[in-house]
Amino acid sequence: MKKIATTLFALAISISAFTQTLKVYSYWDEAMKEPEKVQHLDLSLKQLKTLPPEIEKFVNLEILELSFNHLTDLPAELVTLKKLRVLDISGCRRMKNIPPVVKEIPNLKELKILEIPEWNTAKIEAIIKEYSHLKVITKEE
């Protein structure tokens, strides 16, 4: 009976760990305290003009939200983020184009580019074609 209880307890812990959602870090300073633990970093609406090259310290980062900032480019260090799957640059109206580094992020699966009215339909269509290996999100689903 004790063995069954121990097994059930271990199973419950495993299920609990599996179903937990990623903690969302919303402040750079907080995230930098333990960068290896950060999987979801939301720096939206922070009035960022640049993203620090120290972004490379977030080796387990999977989701990076940079929407509605004043970014014009992204640092080359993003290519070191082997686990990055989702990049959101929605509303970054000062970006004239998708930064070239985006193509080099090894495991990127999804690129969000909503709310950039300066980019006309032809430009959006060209981006979708150029980044056909990604799910490019241009409007709310």
N, C-alpha and C. Protein backbone atom coordinates (compact mmCIF):
# COMPACT_ATOMS: atom_id res chain seq x y z
N MET A 1 0.83 -1.19 0.00
CA MET A 1 0.00 0.00 0.00
C MET A 1 0.87 1.26 0.00
N LYS A 2 1.95 1.22 0.79
CA LYS A 2 2.84 2.37 0.87
C LYS A 2 3.49 2.64 -0.50
N LYS A 3 3.82 1.57 -1.20
CA LYS A 3 4.45 1.68 -2.52
C LYS A 3 3.49 2.35 -3.52
N ILE A 4 2.22 1.97 -3.46
CA ILE A 4 1.21 2.56 -4.35
C ILE A 4 1.04 4.04 -4.04
N ALA A 5 0.98 4.38 -2.77
CA ALA A 5 0.83 5.78 -2.37
C ALA A 5 2.02 6.61 -2.84
N THR A 6 3.22 6.06 -2.72
CA THR A 6 4.43 6.76 -3.16
C THR A 6 4.40 6.97 -4.67
N THR A 7 3.99 5.94 -5.39
CA THR A 7 3.90 6.03 -6.85
C THR A 7 2.87 7.07 -7.27
N LEU A 8 1.71 7.06 -6.62
CA LEU A 8 0.66 8.03 -6.94
C LEU A 8 1.12 9.45 -6.63
N PHE A 9 1.83 9.63 -5.52
CA PHE A 9 2.34 10.94 -5.15
C PHE A 9 3.34 11.44 -6.21
N ALA A 10 4.23 10.56 -6.63
CA ALA A 10 5.22 10.92 -7.66
C ALA A 10 4.53 11.28 -8.97
N LEU A 11 3.50 10.53 -9.32
CA LEU A 11 2.74 10.80 -10.54
C LEU A 11 2.03 12.15 -10.45
N ALA A 12 1.46 12.45 -9.30
CA ALA A 12 0.77 13.73 -9.11
C ALA A 12 1.75 14.89 -9.25
N ILE A 13 2.94 14.74 -8.71
CA ILE A 13 3.96 15.79 -8.83
C ILE A 13 4.36 15.97 -10.29
N SER A 14 4.53 14.88 -11.01
CA SER A 14 4.90 14.94 -12.42
C SER A 14 3.83 15.65 -13.24
N ILE A 15 2.58 15.31 -13.00
CA ILE A 15 1.48 15.95 -13.72
C ILE A 15 1.41 17.42 -13.39
N SER A 16 1.58 17.75 -12.13
CA SER A 16 1.56 19.15 -11.71
C SER A 16 2.66 19.95 -12.40
N ALA A 17 3.84 19.41 -12.44
CA ALA A 17 4.97 20.09 -13.08
C ALA A 17 4.72 20.26 -14.57
N PHE A 18 4.11 19.26 -15.19
CA PHE A 18 3.85 19.31 -16.62
C PHE A 18 2.81 20.37 -16.97
N THR A 19 1.82 20.54 -16.12
CA THR A 19 0.72 21.44 -16.44
C THR A 19 0.96 22.89 -16.02
N GLN A 20 2.05 23.14 -15.31
CA GLN A 20 2.33 24.52 -14.91
C GLN A 20 2.64 25.36 -16.13
N THR A 21 2.17 26.60 -16.11
CA THR A 21 2.48 27.51 -17.20
C THR A 21 3.80 28.21 -16.89
N LEU A 22 4.40 28.74 -17.93
CA LEU A 22 5.66 29.45 -17.76
C LEU A 22 5.45 30.73 -16.96
N LYS A 23 6.35 31.00 -16.05
CA LYS A 23 6.30 32.27 -15.33
C LYS A 23 6.67 33.37 -16.31
N VAL A 24 5.91 34.43 -16.30
CA VAL A 24 6.18 35.55 -17.19
C VAL A 24 6.97 36.61 -16.41
N TYR A 25 8.16 36.90 -16.90
CA TYR A 25 8.97 37.97 -16.33
C TYR A 25 8.67 39.23 -17.12
N SER A 26 8.32 40.31 -16.41
CA SER A 26 7.95 41.55 -17.09
C SER A 26 8.93 42.69 -16.84
N TYR A 27 9.97 42.42 -16.07
CA TYR A 27 10.95 43.45 -15.77
C TYR A 27 12.36 42.90 -16.00
N TRP A 28 13.15 43.67 -16.71
CA TRP A 28 14.51 43.26 -17.06
C TRP A 28 15.32 42.94 -15.81
N ASP A 29 15.30 43.83 -14.82
CA ASP A 29 16.11 43.63 -13.61
C ASP A 29 15.72 42.35 -12.88
N GLU A 30 14.44 42.08 -12.80
CA GLU A 30 13.98 40.85 -12.16
C GLU A 30 14.48 39.62 -12.93
N ALA A 31 14.37 39.67 -14.24
CA ALA A 31 14.78 38.55 -15.08
C ALA A 31 16.29 38.32 -15.01
N MET A 32 17.06 39.38 -14.90
CA MET A 32 18.52 39.26 -14.87
C MET A 32 19.05 38.65 -13.57
N LYS A 33 18.23 38.57 -12.55
CA LYS A 33 18.67 37.96 -11.29
C LYS A 33 18.96 36.48 -11.47
N GLU A 34 18.17 35.80 -12.28
CA GLU A 34 18.36 34.38 -12.57
C GLU A 34 18.01 34.14 -14.04
N PRO A 35 18.83 34.64 -14.95
CA PRO A 35 18.48 34.59 -16.37
C PRO A 35 18.28 33.17 -16.92
N GLU A 36 18.95 32.20 -16.32
CA GLU A 36 18.81 30.83 -16.82
C GLU A 36 17.43 30.24 -16.53
N LYS A 37 16.67 30.85 -15.63
CA LYS A 37 15.32 30.37 -15.31
C LYS A 37 14.24 31.00 -16.18
N VAL A 38 14.59 32.05 -16.89
CA VAL A 38 13.59 32.80 -17.67
C VAL A 38 13.26 32.07 -18.96
N GLN A 39 11.97 31.76 -19.11
CA GLN A 39 11.48 31.13 -20.33
C GLN A 39 10.55 32.06 -21.10
N HIS A 40 9.93 32.99 -20.39
CA HIS A 40 8.98 33.92 -21.02
C HIS A 40 9.30 35.32 -20.50
N LEU A 41 9.75 36.17 -21.40
CA LEU A 41 10.11 37.55 -21.04
C LEU A 41 9.21 38.50 -21.81
N ASP A 42 8.42 39.27 -21.08
CA ASP A 42 7.50 40.22 -21.69
C ASP A 42 7.96 41.64 -21.35
N LEU A 43 8.61 42.26 -22.31
CA LEU A 43 9.10 43.63 -22.13
C LEU A 43 8.25 44.61 -22.94
N SER A 44 7.02 44.25 -23.19
CA SER A 44 6.11 45.11 -23.94
C SER A 44 5.87 46.41 -23.18
N LEU A 45 5.68 47.47 -23.95
CA LEU A 45 5.31 48.78 -23.40
C LEU A 45 6.33 49.35 -22.41
N LYS A 46 7.60 49.08 -22.63
CA LYS A 46 8.64 49.57 -21.71
C LYS A 46 9.41 50.76 -22.30
N GLN A 47 9.00 51.25 -23.45
CA GLN A 47 9.65 52.37 -24.14
C GLN A 47 11.12 52.08 -24.44
N LEU A 48 11.42 50.82 -24.71
CA LEU A 48 12.79 50.43 -25.04
C LEU A 48 13.19 50.97 -26.41
N LYS A 49 14.39 51.51 -26.47
CA LYS A 49 14.95 51.94 -27.76
C LYS A 49 15.91 50.89 -28.29
N THR A 50 16.49 50.13 -27.37
CA THR A 50 17.39 49.04 -27.74
C THR A 50 17.14 47.87 -26.80
N LEU A 51 17.50 46.71 -27.27
CA LEU A 51 17.46 45.51 -26.44
C LEU A 51 18.91 45.20 -26.09
N PRO A 52 19.25 45.14 -24.82
CA PRO A 52 20.65 44.94 -24.43
C PRO A 52 21.22 43.62 -24.96
N PRO A 53 22.50 43.62 -25.32
CA PRO A 53 23.13 42.38 -25.80
C PRO A 53 23.14 41.28 -24.74
N GLU A 54 22.94 41.66 -23.49
CA GLU A 54 22.88 40.66 -22.40
C GLU A 54 21.68 39.73 -22.55
N ILE A 55 20.84 39.99 -23.54
CA ILE A 55 19.72 39.10 -23.82
C ILE A 55 20.22 37.67 -24.01
N GLU A 56 21.47 37.54 -24.44
CA GLU A 56 22.04 36.21 -24.67
C GLU A 56 22.15 35.37 -23.40
N LYS A 57 22.04 36.00 -22.24
CA LYS A 57 22.10 35.26 -20.97
C LYS A 57 20.85 34.44 -20.70
N PHE A 58 19.79 34.72 -21.44
CA PHE A 58 18.52 34.01 -21.23
C PHE A 58 18.51 32.74 -22.09
N VAL A 59 19.35 31.81 -21.72
CA VAL A 59 19.58 30.61 -22.53
C VAL A 59 18.36 29.70 -22.65
N ASN A 60 17.40 29.83 -21.77
CA ASN A 60 16.20 29.00 -21.82
C ASN A 60 14.97 29.77 -22.28
N LEU A 61 15.19 30.95 -22.81
CA LEU A 61 14.08 31.80 -23.24
C LEU A 61 13.35 31.16 -24.42
N GLU A 62 12.03 31.06 -24.29
CA GLU A 62 11.19 30.49 -25.33
C GLU A 62 10.29 31.54 -25.98
N ILE A 63 9.86 32.51 -25.18
CA ILE A 63 8.93 33.54 -25.68
C ILE A 63 9.49 34.91 -25.31
N LEU A 64 9.63 35.76 -26.32
CA LEU A 64 10.13 37.12 -26.11
C LEU A 64 9.12 38.10 -26.69
N GLU A 65 8.52 38.87 -25.81
CA GLU A 65 7.53 39.87 -26.23
C GLU A 65 8.15 41.26 -26.10
N LEU A 66 8.23 41.94 -27.23
CA LEU A 66 8.83 43.27 -27.28
C LEU A 66 7.85 44.30 -27.84
N SER A 67 6.60 43.98 -27.86
CA SER A 67 5.62 44.82 -28.54
C SER A 67 5.50 46.22 -27.94
N PHE A 68 5.19 47.14 -28.84
CA PHE A 68 4.94 48.54 -28.51
C PHE A 68 6.10 49.20 -27.78
N ASN A 69 7.28 49.01 -28.32
CA ASN A 69 8.48 49.70 -27.85
C ASN A 69 8.99 50.59 -28.97
N HIS A 70 10.08 51.28 -28.73
CA HIS A 70 10.65 52.20 -29.70
C HIS A 70 11.86 51.59 -30.41
N LEU A 71 11.87 50.29 -30.52
CA LEU A 71 12.99 49.58 -31.14
C LEU A 71 13.05 49.85 -32.64
N THR A 72 14.27 49.98 -33.14
CA THR A 72 14.47 50.10 -34.58
C THR A 72 15.20 48.88 -35.12
N ASP A 73 15.81 48.12 -34.23
CA ASP A 73 16.60 46.95 -34.61
C ASP A 73 16.63 45.98 -33.44
N LEU A 74 17.18 44.81 -33.68
CA LEU A 74 17.34 43.81 -32.62
C LEU A 74 18.81 43.38 -32.59
N PRO A 75 19.32 43.04 -31.42
CA PRO A 75 20.74 42.68 -31.33
C PRO A 75 21.06 41.32 -31.95
N ALA A 76 22.27 41.23 -32.47
CA ALA A 76 22.75 39.98 -33.08
C ALA A 76 22.75 38.83 -32.08
N GLU A 77 22.82 39.14 -30.81
CA GLU A 77 22.87 38.10 -29.76
C GLU A 77 21.62 37.22 -29.73
N LEU A 78 20.56 37.65 -30.37
CA LEU A 78 19.35 36.81 -30.40
C LEU A 78 19.61 35.44 -31.02
N VAL A 79 20.59 35.35 -31.89
CA VAL A 79 20.88 34.06 -32.54
C VAL A 79 21.38 33.02 -31.54
N THR A 80 21.85 33.45 -30.39
CA THR A 80 22.34 32.51 -29.39
C THR A 80 21.21 31.86 -28.60
N LEU A 81 20.01 32.36 -28.76
CA LEU A 81 18.86 31.85 -28.00
C LEU A 81 18.27 30.64 -28.71
N LYS A 82 18.83 29.50 -28.44
CA LYS A 82 18.49 28.25 -29.14
C LYS A 82 17.07 27.76 -28.86
N LYS A 83 16.47 28.21 -27.76
CA LYS A 83 15.13 27.74 -27.41
C LYS A 83 14.03 28.74 -27.76
N LEU A 84 14.40 29.89 -28.28
CA LEU A 84 13.41 30.92 -28.60
C LEU A 84 12.49 30.43 -29.72
N ARG A 85 11.19 30.38 -29.41
CA ARG A 85 10.18 29.90 -30.35
C ARG A 85 9.27 31.01 -30.85
N VAL A 86 9.02 32.01 -29.98
CA VAL A 86 8.06 33.06 -30.30
C VAL A 86 8.70 34.43 -30.08
N LEU A 87 8.59 35.28 -31.10
CA LEU A 87 9.08 36.65 -31.01
C LEU A 87 7.94 37.58 -31.41
N ASP A 88 7.64 38.52 -30.53
CA ASP A 88 6.56 39.47 -30.78
C ASP A 88 7.14 40.88 -30.87
N ILE A 89 7.07 41.45 -32.06
CA ILE A 89 7.51 42.84 -32.26
C ILE A 89 6.33 43.71 -32.71
N SER A 90 5.14 43.29 -32.37
CA SER A 90 3.94 44.04 -32.73
C SER A 90 4.03 45.47 -32.20
N GLY A 91 3.55 46.39 -32.98
CA GLY A 91 3.49 47.77 -32.54
C GLY A 91 4.83 48.48 -32.46
N CYS A 92 5.90 47.84 -32.89
CA CYS A 92 7.22 48.50 -32.91
C CYS A 92 7.30 49.31 -34.20
N ARG A 93 6.63 50.43 -34.19
CA ARG A 93 6.42 51.22 -35.40
C ARG A 93 7.68 51.88 -35.94
N ARG A 94 8.73 51.93 -35.15
CA ARG A 94 9.98 52.53 -35.63
C ARG A 94 10.83 51.55 -36.42
N MET A 95 10.45 50.29 -36.40
CA MET A 95 11.15 49.30 -37.22
C MET A 95 10.69 49.47 -38.66
N LYS A 96 11.62 49.69 -39.52
CA LYS A 96 11.29 49.87 -40.93
C LYS A 96 11.14 48.53 -41.64
N ASN A 97 11.85 47.52 -41.12
CA ASN A 97 11.83 46.17 -41.68
C ASN A 97 12.03 45.17 -40.55
N ILE A 98 11.85 43.92 -40.88
CA ILE A 98 12.17 42.86 -39.93
C ILE A 98 13.70 42.81 -39.85
N PRO A 99 14.27 42.93 -38.66
CA PRO A 99 15.73 42.87 -38.55
C PRO A 99 16.28 41.54 -39.09
N PRO A 100 17.39 41.59 -39.83
CA PRO A 100 17.96 40.37 -40.42
C PRO A 100 18.24 39.25 -39.42
N VAL A 101 18.53 39.60 -38.19
CA VAL A 101 18.84 38.59 -37.18
C VAL A 101 17.67 37.61 -36.98
N VAL A 102 16.46 38.05 -37.26
CA VAL A 102 15.29 37.20 -37.05
C VAL A 102 15.41 35.91 -37.87
N LYS A 103 15.93 36.01 -39.08
CA LYS A 103 16.10 34.82 -39.93
C LYS A 103 17.09 33.83 -39.34
N GLU A 104 17.97 34.31 -38.49
CA GLU A 104 19.04 33.47 -37.97
C GLU A 104 18.73 32.84 -36.61
N ILE A 105 17.59 33.16 -36.03
CA ILE A 105 17.22 32.56 -34.74
C ILE A 105 16.86 31.11 -35.03
N PRO A 106 17.64 30.17 -34.50
CA PRO A 106 17.57 28.78 -34.97
C PRO A 106 16.23 28.06 -34.82
N ASN A 107 15.51 28.25 -33.75
CA ASN A 107 14.28 27.48 -33.53
C ASN A 107 13.03 28.35 -33.47
N LEU A 108 13.13 29.54 -34.02
CA LEU A 108 11.97 30.43 -34.03
C LEU A 108 10.86 29.82 -34.88
N LYS A 109 9.66 29.81 -34.33
CA LYS A 109 8.51 29.22 -35.02
C LYS A 109 7.44 30.26 -35.34
N GLU A 110 7.38 31.32 -34.51
CA GLU A 110 6.28 32.27 -34.64
C GLU A 110 6.80 33.70 -34.52
N LEU A 111 6.37 34.54 -35.45
CA LEU A 111 6.73 35.96 -35.46
C LEU A 111 5.45 36.77 -35.48
N LYS A 112 5.27 37.61 -34.47
CA LYS A 112 4.07 38.44 -34.39
C LYS A 112 4.43 39.87 -34.81
N ILE A 113 3.69 40.37 -35.80
CA ILE A 113 3.94 41.73 -36.31
C ILE A 113 2.62 42.49 -36.46
N LEU A 114 1.81 42.46 -35.45
CA LEU A 114 0.53 43.17 -35.47
C LEU A 114 0.74 44.66 -35.22
N GLU A 115 -0.23 45.45 -35.59
CA GLU A 115 -0.27 46.87 -35.22
C GLU A 115 0.95 47.67 -35.69
N ILE A 116 1.32 47.48 -36.94
CA ILE A 116 2.37 48.32 -37.53
C ILE A 116 1.76 48.93 -38.80
N PRO A 117 0.95 49.98 -38.63
CA PRO A 117 0.21 50.54 -39.76
C PRO A 117 1.10 51.11 -40.87
N GLU A 118 2.34 51.42 -40.54
CA GLU A 118 3.26 51.95 -41.56
C GLU A 118 3.61 50.89 -42.61
N TRP A 119 3.40 49.64 -42.27
CA TRP A 119 3.70 48.55 -43.20
C TRP A 119 2.43 48.26 -44.01
N ASN A 120 2.48 48.57 -45.30
CA ASN A 120 1.31 48.35 -46.14
C ASN A 120 1.11 46.87 -46.45
N THR A 121 0.01 46.58 -47.10
CA THR A 121 -0.34 45.19 -47.40
C THR A 121 0.74 44.49 -48.22
N ALA A 122 1.29 45.18 -49.20
CA ALA A 122 2.33 44.57 -50.04
C ALA A 122 3.55 44.19 -49.21
N LYS A 123 3.92 45.05 -48.28
CA LYS A 123 5.07 44.77 -47.42
C LYS A 123 4.79 43.56 -46.52
N ILE A 124 3.61 43.53 -45.94
CA ILE A 124 3.23 42.40 -45.08
C ILE A 124 3.24 41.10 -45.88
N GLU A 125 2.70 41.13 -47.08
CA GLU A 125 2.69 39.93 -47.92
C GLU A 125 4.10 39.48 -48.27
N ALA A 126 4.99 40.44 -48.52
CA ALA A 126 6.39 40.10 -48.82
C ALA A 126 7.07 39.46 -47.60
N ILE A 127 6.76 39.98 -46.42
CA ILE A 127 7.32 39.41 -45.18
C ILE A 127 6.83 37.98 -44.99
N ILE A 128 5.54 37.78 -45.19
CA ILE A 128 4.97 36.43 -45.03
C ILE A 128 5.65 35.46 -45.99
N LYS A 129 5.89 35.91 -47.21
CA LYS A 129 6.54 35.06 -48.20
C LYS A 129 8.00 34.79 -47.82
N GLU A 130 8.70 35.84 -47.42
CA GLU A 130 10.12 35.71 -47.06
C GLU A 130 10.32 34.83 -45.83
N TYR A 131 9.38 34.91 -44.92
CA TYR A 131 9.47 34.15 -43.67
C TYR A 131 8.48 32.98 -43.67
N SER A 132 8.37 32.32 -44.80
CA SER A 132 7.39 31.24 -44.95
C SER A 132 7.66 30.06 -44.01
N HIS A 133 8.88 29.98 -43.50
CA HIS A 133 9.21 28.90 -42.56
C HIS A 133 8.65 29.18 -41.16
N LEU A 134 8.11 30.38 -40.95
CA LEU A 134 7.55 30.77 -39.66
C LEU A 134 6.05 30.97 -39.77
N LYS A 135 5.40 30.88 -38.64
CA LYS A 135 4.01 31.31 -38.57
C LYS A 135 4.08 32.82 -38.31
N VAL A 136 3.72 33.60 -39.30
CA VAL A 136 3.75 35.06 -39.17
C VAL A 136 2.33 35.52 -38.85
N ILE A 137 2.19 36.15 -37.70
CA ILE A 137 0.87 36.61 -37.26
C ILE A 137 0.79 38.11 -37.49
N THR A 138 -0.17 38.50 -38.32
CA THR A 138 -0.32 39.91 -38.68
C THR A 138 -1.61 40.53 -38.17
N LYS A 139 -2.50 39.70 -37.65
CA LYS A 139 -3.74 40.21 -37.07
C LYS A 139 -4.22 39.24 -36.00
N GLU A 140 -5.07 39.74 -35.13
CA GLU A 140 -5.60 38.91 -34.05
C GLU A 140 -6.33 37.71 -34.64
N GLU A 141 -6.09 36.58 -34.05
CA GLU A 141 -6.74 35.35 -34.55
C GLU A 141 -8.04 35.10 -33.84
